[in-house]
C-alpha atoms as a PDB file:
ATOM      1  CA  GLN A   1       4.150  -0.930 -17.097  1.00  0.00           C
ATOM      2  CA  VAL A   2       1.374  -3.379 -15.922  1.00  0.00           C
ATOM      3  CA  ARG A   3       1.492  -6.808 -17.405  1.00  0.00           C
ATOM      4  CA  LEU A   4      -0.756  -9.706 -16.823  1.00  0.00           C
ATOM      5  CA  VAL A   5      -0.400 -13.298 -17.970  1.00  0.00           C
ATOM      6  CA  GLU A   6      -2.904 -15.968 -17.577  1.00  0.00           C
ATOM      7  CA  SER A   7      -2.090 -19.668 -17.326  1.00  0.00           C
ATOM      8  CA  GLY A   8      -3.644 -22.880 -16.359  1.00  0.00           C
ATOM      9  CA  GLY A   9      -6.362 -23.390 -19.033  1.00  0.00           C
ATOM     10  CA  GLY A  10      -7.026 -26.715 -20.751  1.00  0.00           C
ATOM     11  CA  LEU A  11      -9.406 -29.271 -21.930  1.00  0.00           C
ATOM     12  CA  VAL A  12     -11.404 -30.931 -19.268  1.00  0.00           C
ATOM     13  CA  GLN A  13     -14.598 -32.998 -18.813  1.00  0.00           C
ATOM     14  CA  ALA A  14     -17.855 -31.627 -17.311  1.00  0.00           C
ATOM     15  CA  GLY A  15     -17.588 -31.903 -13.576  1.00  0.00           C
ATOM     16  CA  ASP A  16     -13.853 -31.473 -13.446  1.00  0.00           C
ATOM     17  CA  SER A  17     -11.927 -28.578 -11.805  1.00  0.00           C
ATOM     18  CA  LEU A  18      -9.126 -26.207 -13.101  1.00  0.00           C
ATOM     19  CA  ARG A  19      -7.285 -23.549 -11.486  1.00  0.00           C
ATOM     20  CA  LEU A  20      -6.302 -20.476 -13.539  1.00  0.00           C
ATOM     21  CA  SER A  21      -3.428 -18.085 -12.596  1.00  0.00           C
ATOM     22  CA  CYS A  22      -2.903 -14.442 -13.385  1.00  0.00           C
ATOM     23  CA  ALA A  23       0.554 -13.446 -12.883  1.00  0.00           C
ATOM     24  CA  ALA A  24       0.871  -9.674 -12.516  1.00  0.00           C
ATOM     25  CA  SER A  25       3.732  -7.381 -12.675  1.00  0.00           C
ATOM     26  CA  GLY A  26       3.932  -3.616 -12.413  1.00  0.00           C
ATOM     27  CA  ILE A  27       1.090  -3.517  -9.884  1.00  0.00           C
ATOM     28  CA  PRO A  28       0.697  -5.176  -6.415  1.00  0.00           C
ATOM     29  CA  VAL A  29      -2.419  -7.479  -6.686  1.00  0.00           C
ATOM     30  CA  GLY A  30      -3.341  -6.391  -3.184  1.00  0.00           C
ATOM     31  CA  ARG A  31      -3.538  -2.646  -4.105  1.00  0.00           C
ATOM     32  CA  THR A  32      -5.897  -2.890  -6.925  1.00  0.00           C
ATOM     33  CA  THR A  33      -9.143  -4.518  -7.954  1.00  0.00           C
ATOM     34  CA  MET A  34      -8.333  -7.696 -10.100  1.00  0.00           C
ATOM     35  CA  ASP A  35     -11.063  -9.250 -12.394  1.00  0.00           C
ATOM     36  CA  TRP A  36     -11.542 -12.468 -14.333  1.00  0.00           C
ATOM     37  CA  TYR A  37     -13.621 -12.233 -17.480  1.00  0.00           C
ATOM     38  CA  ARG A  38     -14.417 -14.691 -19.971  1.00  0.00           C
ATOM     39  CA  GLN A  39     -15.376 -14.570 -23.668  1.00  0.00           C
ATOM     40  CA  ILE A  40     -17.650 -17.172 -24.774  1.00  0.00           C
ATOM     41  CA  PRO A  41     -18.216 -17.746 -28.543  1.00  0.00           C
ATOM     42  CA  GLY A  42     -20.891 -15.676 -29.765  1.00  0.00           C
ATOM     43  CA  LYS A  43     -21.281 -13.678 -26.560  1.00  0.00           C
ATOM     44  CA  GLU A  44     -19.935 -10.488 -25.197  1.00  0.00           C
ATOM     45  CA  ARG A  45     -17.038 -10.628 -22.844  1.00  0.00           C
ATOM     46  CA  GLU A  46     -18.407 -10.999 -19.169  1.00  0.00           C
ATOM     47  CA  LEU A  47     -17.169 -10.466 -15.834  1.00  0.00           C
ATOM     48  CA  VAL A  48     -16.875 -13.680 -13.903  1.00  0.00           C
ATOM     49  CA  ALA A  49     -15.355 -12.818 -10.529  1.00  0.00           C
ATOM     50  CA  ARG A  50     -13.649  -9.833  -8.861  1.00  0.00           C
ATOM     51  CA  ILE A  51     -11.356  -9.477  -5.889  1.00  0.00           C
ATOM     52  CA  SER A  52     -11.167  -5.855  -4.568  1.00  0.00           C
ATOM     53  CA  SER A  53      -8.133  -4.341  -2.893  1.00  0.00           C
ATOM     54  CA  ASP A  54      -9.826  -4.821   0.467  1.00  0.00           C
ATOM     55  CA  GLY A  55     -10.276  -8.581  -0.267  1.00  0.00           C
ATOM     56  CA  ALA A  56     -13.986  -8.349  -1.025  1.00  0.00           C
ATOM     57  CA  THR A  57     -15.132 -10.669  -3.812  1.00  0.00           C
ATOM     58  CA  GLU A  58     -17.922 -10.778  -6.289  1.00  0.00           C
ATOM     59  CA  TYR A  59     -19.192 -13.438  -8.632  1.00  0.00           C
ATOM     60  CA  ALA A  60     -21.334 -13.674 -11.691  1.00  0.00           C
ATOM     61  CA  ASP A  61     -24.587 -15.543 -10.718  1.00  0.00           C
ATOM     62  CA  SER A  62     -23.649 -18.293 -13.240  1.00  0.00           C
ATOM     63  CA  VAL A  63     -20.402 -19.179 -11.292  1.00  0.00           C
ATOM     64  CA  ARG A  64     -21.202 -18.306  -7.757  1.00  0.00           C
ATOM     65  CA  GLY A  65     -20.728 -21.455  -5.559  1.00  0.00           C
ATOM     66  CA  ARG A  66     -18.655 -23.104  -8.256  1.00  0.00           C
ATOM     67  CA  PHE A  67     -15.768 -20.580  -8.718  1.00  0.00           C
ATOM     68  CA  THR A  68     -13.445 -18.901  -6.189  1.00  0.00           C
ATOM     69  CA  ILE A  69     -11.183 -16.026  -6.693  1.00  0.00           C
ATOM     70  CA  SER A  70      -8.098 -15.518  -4.511  1.00  0.00           C
ATOM     71  CA  ARG A  71      -4.692 -13.785  -4.474  1.00  0.00           C
ATOM     72  CA  ASN A  72      -1.313 -14.440  -3.290  1.00  0.00           C
ATOM     73  CA  ARG A  73       0.404 -11.214  -2.451  1.00  0.00           C
ATOM     74  CA  PRO A  74       3.971 -12.392  -2.066  1.00  0.00           C
ATOM     75  CA  ARG A  75       3.754 -14.070  -5.431  1.00  0.00           C
ATOM     76  CA  ASN A  76       1.609 -11.433  -6.934  1.00  0.00           C
ATOM     77  CA  ILE A  77      -0.747 -13.760  -8.715  1.00  0.00           C
ATOM     78  CA  VAL A  78      -4.462 -13.792  -8.590  1.00  0.00           C
ATOM     79  CA  PHE A  79      -6.181 -17.363  -8.907  1.00  0.00           C
ATOM     80  CA  LEU A  80      -9.535 -18.554 -10.216  1.00  0.00           C
ATOM     81  CA  GLU A  81     -10.460 -21.947  -8.903  1.00  0.00           C
ATOM     82  CA  MET A  82     -13.195 -23.366 -11.036  1.00  0.00           C
ATOM     83  CA  ASN A  83     -15.112 -26.487  -9.770  1.00  0.00           C
ATOM     84  CA  SER A  84     -17.941 -28.408 -11.208  1.00  0.00           C
ATOM     85  CA  LEU A  85     -17.265 -27.128 -14.515  1.00  0.00           C
ATOM     86  CA  LYS A  86     -19.966 -27.157 -17.181  1.00  0.00           C
ATOM     87  CA  VAL A  87     -19.817 -27.224 -20.945  1.00  0.00           C
ATOM     88  CA  GLU A  88     -21.259 -23.525 -20.858  1.00  0.00           C
ATOM     89  CA  ASP A  89     -18.021 -22.451 -18.943  1.00  0.00           C
ATOM     90  CA  THR A  90     -16.055 -23.095 -22.223  1.00  0.00           C
ATOM     91  CA  GLY A  91     -14.338 -19.881 -23.355  1.00  0.00           C
ATOM     92  CA  VAL A  92     -11.298 -17.664 -23.198  1.00  0.00           C
ATOM     93  CA  TYR A  93     -10.676 -16.466 -19.691  1.00  0.00           C
ATOM     94  CA  PHE A  94      -8.921 -13.165 -19.212  1.00  0.00           C
ATOM     95  CA  CYS A  95      -7.398 -11.128 -16.211  1.00  0.00           C
ATOM     96  CA  ASN A  96      -7.999  -7.414 -15.989  1.00  0.00           C
ATOM     97  CA  THR A  97      -7.190  -4.616 -13.760  1.00  0.00           C
ATOM     98  CA  ILE A  98      -7.802  -0.739 -14.191  1.00  0.00           C
ATOM     99  CA  THR A  99      -5.304   1.623 -12.720  1.00  0.00           C
ATOM    100  CA  ARG A 100      -4.529   5.156 -12.995  1.00  0.00           C
ATOM    101  CA  SER A 101      -2.338   4.209 -15.889  1.00  0.00           C
ATOM    102  CA  GLY A 102      -4.971   2.357 -17.913  1.00  0.00           C
ATOM    103  CA  ASN A 103      -7.056  -0.552 -18.493  1.00  0.00           C
ATOM    104  CA  PHE A 104      -4.791  -3.781 -18.738  1.00  0.00           C
ATOM    105  CA  TRP A 105      -5.464  -7.268 -20.029  1.00  0.00           C
ATOM    106  CA  GLY A 106      -3.687 -10.339 -20.334  1.00  0.00           C
ATOM    107  CA  PRO A 107      -3.729 -12.454 -23.470  1.00  0.00           C
ATOM    108  CA  GLY A 108      -6.283 -14.947 -22.030  1.00  0.00           C
ATOM    109  CA  THR A 109      -6.156 -18.712 -21.613  1.00  0.00           C
ATOM    110  CA  GLN A 110      -8.557 -21.149 -23.154  1.00  0.00           C
ATOM    111  CA  VAL A 111     -10.981 -23.275 -21.170  1.00  0.00           C
ATOM    112  CA  THR A 112     -12.750 -25.994 -22.967  1.00  0.00           C
ATOM    113  CA  VAL A 113     -15.151 -28.314 -21.178  1.00  0.00           C
ATOM    114  CA  SER A 114     -16.440 -31.279 -22.978  1.00  0.00           C
ATOM    115  CA  SER A 115     -19.578 -33.291 -22.177  1.00  0.00           C
END
């Protein structure tokens, strides 16, 4: 069974940095596409960053150049390094992967950026 658990969220000021972690079990992070989504109040959940099994990365236009997705295969963790945070980055951040077994989400971690 695939399990994803996010951590690293918190309350920061605009311009600060945070690093989110997604600890995975039941699937090697190097063998599947891993996504970070966020849910901003009043908006639909949106894809923020993606790392494919071959290591290719993709970013939403709103975060490109500020956020970096990476993975640590031995620890089976996917990271989202967030720099130059903006108030509009506030939301709940979720880790996601889709495998043959299903579509898996973590419980999310709250990121709040104050002005």
